[in-house]
Protein backbone atom coordinates (compact mmCIF):
# COMPACT_ATOMS: atom_id res chain seq x y z
CA MET A 1 0.05 -0.07 -0.01
CA HIS A 2 1.37 3.37 -0.94
CA THR A 3 2.23 5.95 1.62
CA ASN A 4 -0.56 8.37 0.73
CA GLU A 5 -3.10 5.14 0.88
CA MET A 6 -1.79 4.38 3.58
CA THR A 7 -2.31 8.17 5.64
CA GLU A 8 -5.54 7.96 4.31
CA THR A 9 -6.73 4.83 5.37
CA SER A 10 -5.44 6.28 8.87
CA THR A 11 -7.20 9.43 8.49
CA LEU A 12 -10.46 7.48 7.96
CA ARG A 13 -10.14 5.43 10.53
CA LYS A 14 -9.24 7.66 13.14
CA THR A 15 -12.35 10.07 12.05
CA ALA A 16 -15.16 7.21 11.88
CA ALA A 17 -18.15 7.78 13.87
CA PRO A 18 -18.35 5.95 16.99
CA LEU A 19 -21.95 4.68 16.42
CA GLN A 20 -22.85 3.30 12.76
CA GLN A 21 -26.09 1.66 12.91
CA LYS A 22 -29.70 2.46 13.72
CA ARG A 23 -32.26 -0.42 13.88
CA ARG A 24 -36.07 -0.24 13.36
CA LEU A 25 -38.73 0.07 16.20
CA LEU A 26 -42.25 0.56 14.72
CA ASN A 27 -41.83 3.25 12.29
CA SER A 28 -38.61 4.84 13.71
CA TYR A 29 -35.01 4.12 13.53
CA ILE A 30 -33.15 4.03 17.18
CA THR A 31 -29.36 4.35 17.22
CA THR A 32 -27.57 1.36 18.98
CA GLY A 33 -24.49 0.92 20.68
CA ARG A 34 -22.97 1.08 24.22
CA PHE A 35 -23.78 3.98 26.64
CA ASP A 36 -19.73 5.23 26.35
CA GLU A 37 -20.05 4.77 22.23
CA PHE A 38 -23.07 7.43 22.95
CA VAL A 39 -20.73 9.81 24.77
CA GLU A 40 -18.12 9.71 21.95
CA GLN A 41 -20.46 10.35 19.16
CA VAL A 42 -21.49 13.46 20.80
CA PHE A 43 -18.16 14.98 21.07
CA TRP A 44 -17.33 13.11 17.67
CA MET A 45 -20.11 15.55 15.82
CA THR A 46 -18.27 18.49 17.95
CA GLU A 47 -15.28 17.84 15.59
CA ASN A 48 -16.79 16.45 12.48
CA ARG A 49 -20.01 18.24 12.09
CA THR A 50 -20.92 21.57 11.58
CA SER A 51 -24.73 21.43 12.97
CA SER A 52 -26.46 18.06 14.93
CA TYR A 53 -28.94 17.02 17.09
CA VAL A 54 -29.67 14.10 19.44
CA CYS A 55 -33.31 12.73 20.55
CA PHE A 56 -33.80 10.95 23.38
CA ALA A 57 -36.72 8.59 22.44
CA ASN A 58 -39.37 7.12 25.02
CA VAL A 59 -42.61 5.32 24.42
CA HIS A 60 -44.12 8.59 24.11
CA MET A 61 -42.13 9.36 21.49
CA LEU A 62 -41.97 6.44 19.64
CA VAL A 63 -45.90 6.64 20.09
CA GLU A 64 -45.96 10.38 18.95
CA ALA A 65 -43.88 9.38 16.04
CA TYR A 66 -45.86 6.59 14.59
CA GLN A 67 -48.68 8.70 14.69
CA ASP A 68 -47.49 11.78 13.43
CA PRO A 69 -44.86 11.36 10.05
CA ASN A 70 -43.81 14.90 10.13
CA PHE A 71 -42.70 14.18 13.34
CA ASN A 72 -41.17 10.64 12.46
CA LYS A 73 -39.38 12.29 9.94
CA ILE A 74 -37.90 14.55 12.59
CA LEU A 75 -36.94 11.31 14.83
CA ASN A 76 -35.66 9.86 11.90
CA GLU A 77 -33.31 12.43 10.84
CA ALA A 78 -32.08 12.91 13.77
CA ASP A 79 -27.89 12.24 13.78
CA VAL A 80 -28.64 10.16 17.12
CA ALA A 81 -31.66 8.71 18.45
CA SER A 82 -31.15 7.70 21.71
CA PRO A 83 -32.80 4.76 23.25
CA ASP A 84 -33.96 6.66 26.88
CA GLY A 85 -36.66 4.55 27.67
CA GLY A 86 -35.85 1.03 29.33
CA PRO A 87 -38.81 -0.25 26.97
CA LEU A 88 -37.02 0.53 23.97
CA SER A 89 -33.65 -0.98 25.11
CA LYS A 90 -35.41 -4.28 26.09
CA LEU A 91 -37.58 -4.46 22.88
CA MET A 92 -34.07 -3.80 20.97
CA LYS A 93 -33.21 -7.34 22.68
CA LEU A 94 -36.46 -8.78 22.18
CA LYS A 95 -36.43 -8.26 17.99
CA TYR A 96 -32.93 -8.41 17.17
CA GLY A 97 -31.19 -10.44 19.83
CA HIS A 98 -28.83 -8.05 21.51
CA LYS A 99 -28.20 -6.47 24.55
CA GLN A 100 -28.81 -2.51 23.99
CA ASP A 101 -27.70 -0.34 27.17
CA ARG A 102 -30.40 2.28 28.08
CA VAL A 103 -28.91 5.96 27.62
CA PRO A 104 -31.29 8.44 29.05
CA GLY A 105 -30.55 12.28 28.84
CA MET A 106 -30.95 12.20 32.74
CA ASP A 107 -27.85 9.80 32.84
CA LEU A 108 -25.73 11.62 29.67
CA MET A 109 -26.46 14.75 30.20
CA PRO A 110 -24.34 14.55 33.65
CA ARG A 111 -21.69 12.56 32.15
CA LEU A 112 -21.27 15.16 29.25
CA ILE A 113 -20.71 17.95 31.52
CA LYS A 114 -18.31 16.10 32.97
CA GLU A 115 -16.62 15.27 29.93
CA ALA A 116 -17.03 18.62 28.07
CA ALA A 117 -14.73 19.82 31.65
CA ALA A 118 -12.13 17.34 31.15
CA ARG A 119 -11.88 18.01 27.30
CA GLY A 120 -12.39 21.74 27.32
CA LYS A 121 -15.74 21.81 25.39
CA SER A 122 -18.07 24.39 26.10
CA VAL A 123 -21.94 24.17 27.07
CA PHE A 124 -25.04 26.12 26.51
CA PHE A 125 -28.20 25.60 28.24
CA TYR A 126 -31.57 26.35 26.62
CA GLY A 127 -34.59 26.34 27.55
CA SER A 128 -36.77 25.97 30.61
CA THR A 129 -37.09 28.82 33.54
CA ASP A 130 -34.55 31.39 34.83
CA ASP A 131 -34.59 29.79 38.25
CA VAL A 132 -34.56 26.49 36.89
CA LEU A 133 -31.30 27.42 34.79
CA GLU A 134 -29.54 29.26 37.30
CA ALA A 135 -30.01 26.01 39.13
CA VAL A 136 -28.58 24.21 36.50
CA VAL A 137 -25.39 26.20 35.99
CA ALA A 138 -24.50 26.61 39.54
CA THR A 139 -24.68 22.55 39.85
CA ALA A 140 -22.45 21.88 37.11
CA LYS A 141 -19.76 24.80 38.18
CA SER A 142 -20.24 23.07 41.70
CA LYS A 143 -19.24 19.90 40.37
CA HIS A 144 -16.78 20.80 37.54
CA PRO A 145 -14.81 24.17 38.33
CA ASP A 146 -13.39 23.83 34.83
CA VAL A 147 -16.48 23.67 32.80
CA LYS A 148 -17.02 26.09 30.53
CA ILE A 149 -20.53 27.54 30.66
CA ALA A 150 -20.97 29.47 27.31
CA GLY A 151 -24.18 30.78 28.40
CA HIS A 152 -28.00 29.94 28.98
CA TYR A 153 -31.39 31.11 28.08
CA SER A 154 -34.98 30.90 28.67
CA PRO A 155 -37.28 31.96 25.74
CA PRO A 156 -40.57 33.29 26.26
CA PHE A 157 -43.44 30.86 26.60
CA ARG A 158 -45.00 31.95 23.34
CA GLN A 159 -44.19 31.70 19.59
CA LEU A 160 -40.97 33.90 18.61
CA THR A 161 -40.90 36.18 15.91
CA LYS A 162 -38.44 35.72 13.11
CA GLU A 163 -36.26 38.37 14.54
CA GLU A 164 -36.25 36.81 18.24
CA ASP A 165 -35.59 33.46 17.18
CA GLN A 166 -32.42 34.72 14.76
CA SER A 167 -31.57 36.86 17.70
CA ILE A 168 -31.36 33.61 20.05
CA VAL A 169 -29.38 31.95 16.99
CA ASP A 170 -26.73 34.26 16.80
CA MET A 171 -26.57 34.43 20.66
CA ILE A 172 -25.75 30.67 20.57
CA ASN A 173 -23.19 30.91 18.00
CA ASP A 174 -21.30 33.98 19.48
CA SER A 175 -21.33 31.92 22.73
CA GLY A 176 -19.16 29.35 21.15
CA ALA A 177 -20.75 26.60 22.51
CA ASP A 178 -20.07 23.37 21.46
CA LEU A 179 -23.15 21.48 23.40
CA VAL A 180 -26.26 22.84 23.38
CA PHE A 181 -29.09 21.31 25.97
CA VAL A 182 -32.21 21.89 24.99
CA ALA A 183 -35.17 21.72 27.39
CA LEU A 184 -38.57 22.49 25.89
CA GLY A 185 -40.53 19.09 26.40
CA CYS A 186 -41.37 16.75 23.54
CA PRO A 187 -42.30 17.27 20.88
CA LYS A 188 -41.53 20.95 21.21
CA GLN A 189 -37.90 20.87 21.70
CA GLU A 190 -37.56 17.98 19.08
CA ARG A 191 -39.31 20.33 16.35
CA TRP A 192 -37.01 23.10 18.00
CA MET A 193 -33.72 21.38 16.84
CA ALA A 194 -34.30 20.03 13.70
CA GLU A 195 -35.66 23.29 12.57
CA HIS A 196 -32.34 24.74 13.99
CA LYS A 197 -29.90 22.61 12.04
CA GLY A 198 -27.52 24.16 9.72
CA ARG A 199 -28.15 27.16 11.75
CA VAL A 200 -26.80 26.57 15.36
CA LYS A 201 -23.42 25.79 15.01
CA ALA A 202 -23.32 22.88 17.88
CA CYS A 203 -24.23 19.79 18.81
CA MET A 204 -27.69 20.19 20.03
CA LEU A 205 -29.35 17.57 22.53
CA GLY A 206 -33.05 17.19 23.59
CA VAL A 207 -32.73 16.08 27.36
CA GLY A 208 -36.41 17.56 28.60
CA GLN A 209 -36.65 16.79 32.51
CA ALA A 210 -32.90 16.35 32.80
CA TYR A 211 -32.47 19.94 33.85
CA MET A 212 -34.29 19.35 37.15
CA THR A 213 -32.88 16.11 38.00
CA TYR A 214 -29.29 17.52 37.34
CA ALA A 215 -29.93 20.62 39.69
CA GLY A 216 -31.69 18.05 42.42
CA LEU A 217 -34.97 20.06 41.99
CA GLU A 218 -36.49 16.44 41.39
CA LYS A 219 -35.91 12.98 42.65
CA ARG A 220 -35.48 9.99 40.58
CA LEU A 221 -36.35 6.69 41.19
CA PRO A 222 -33.49 4.15 42.49
CA LYS A 223 -31.12 2.38 39.81
CA TRP A 224 -33.40 -0.94 40.85
CA ALA A 225 -36.83 0.50 39.71
CA ARG A 226 -35.48 2.50 36.50
CA ASP A 227 -34.00 -0.86 35.43
CA LEU A 228 -37.88 -2.40 36.07
CA SER A 229 -38.97 0.50 33.65
CA LEU A 230 -40.94 2.05 36.52
CA GLU A 231 -40.07 5.79 36.01
CA TRP A 232 -43.10 6.35 34.23
CA THR A 233 -45.30 5.42 37.34
CA TYR A 234 -43.12 8.30 39.67
CA ARG A 235 -43.86 10.69 36.88
CA LEU A 236 -47.51 9.50 37.23
CA TYR A 237 -47.35 9.80 41.02
CA GLN A 238 -45.99 13.26 40.80
CA GLU A 239 -48.38 15.19 38.25
CA PRO A 240 -51.58 12.89 38.11
CA LYS A 241 -53.73 15.36 36.32
CA ARG A 242 -51.59 16.20 33.48
CA LEU A 243 -50.28 12.70 33.08
CA TRP A 244 -52.79 10.06 33.83
CA LYS A 245 -54.19 10.07 29.69
CA ARG A 246 -51.04 10.23 28.32
CA TYR A 247 -49.63 7.02 29.90
CA LEU A 248 -52.97 5.42 30.01
CA VAL A 249 -53.16 6.05 26.09
CA THR A 250 -49.93 6.04 25.24
CA ASN A 251 -48.40 2.98 26.97
CA SER A 252 -51.51 0.70 25.94
CA THR A 253 -50.89 2.02 22.16
CA PHE A 254 -47.41 1.05 22.58
CA VAL A 255 -48.29 -2.24 23.53
CA TYR A 256 -50.80 -2.93 20.95
CA LEU A 257 -48.40 -1.58 18.26
CA THR A 258 -45.52 -3.39 19.51
CA LEU A 259 -47.18 -6.91 19.35
CA LYS A 260 -48.68 -5.98 15.99
CA ASP A 261 -45.35 -5.46 14.61
CA MET A 262 -44.04 -8.59 15.97
CA LEU A 263 -47.16 -10.81 14.87
CA TRP A 264 -47.01 -9.37 11.92
CA PRO A 265 -43.95 -8.10 10.97
CA ARG A 266 -43.90 -5.26 8.08
CA ASP A 267 -40.24 -6.11 7.23
CA LYS A 268 -41.56 -8.64 4.18
CA HIS A 269 -43.21 -5.29 3.00
CA ASN A 270 -39.62 -4.06 2.45
CA LYS A 271 -39.52 -1.74 5.48
CA ALA A 272 -35.63 -2.00 6.46
CA THR A 273 -34.34 -3.18 9.75
CA ALA A 274 -31.61 -1.39 10.19
CA VAL A 275 -29.74 1.60 8.55
CA THR A 276 -26.20 2.55 8.54
CA VAL A 277 -25.36 6.08 9.77
CA GLY A 278 -22.09 7.87 10.50
């Protein structure tokens, strides 16, 4: 092999994306890999892609995507669609026969902030309220004094004008942020990230409620309960009036669609079970 060819091959190996595959669950394609590979993928994207976004898929998001083709397109076009919910990891094992780590935003965000501090990357927090944002920033600085906080911003709880939106984009880009954590709630945050891909020059991550647990404003269930996929019961206990209908309908729909997909698979109708990414 010539020297130039060896150098080119070495460069390709060096810059190859850590995560290479998505697998189909219902109508959506979910990224597969180990937890640590998801961490490396995010930092790989900060170096190799001008703009990218990460969705954290759970049962609610998968059903939402099944029922809304436009939202499914957003999820499928995400650079990474992380298996946030325990049922997704278990379904991946059941359907494809290999163990899939659960990669929730509530676990990945703290790890990314820690790694950002160690790697000299900067973070920006977008969404939620000023009080929550201040608590998140204070927690990050307390745990990791060297972390670079590029900024934080709580947008108005209304439709933004084009001028306001552009001002926010300019603010984020001018901050030099490498990672932008977005907490606007599903599906608003996923739509926001998709609309701003190519405009926000960073890796955007739709982390939802992760701000609250990271800052200690909400408790999480013990790991053994999370491993049994019981977090939805805790959320229901916290907000019964708002969430009872969502969980009753969404969880029942997910079970029905999963059984339907397993018993009468559409793979024979040319629905790809896996796609290569990276």
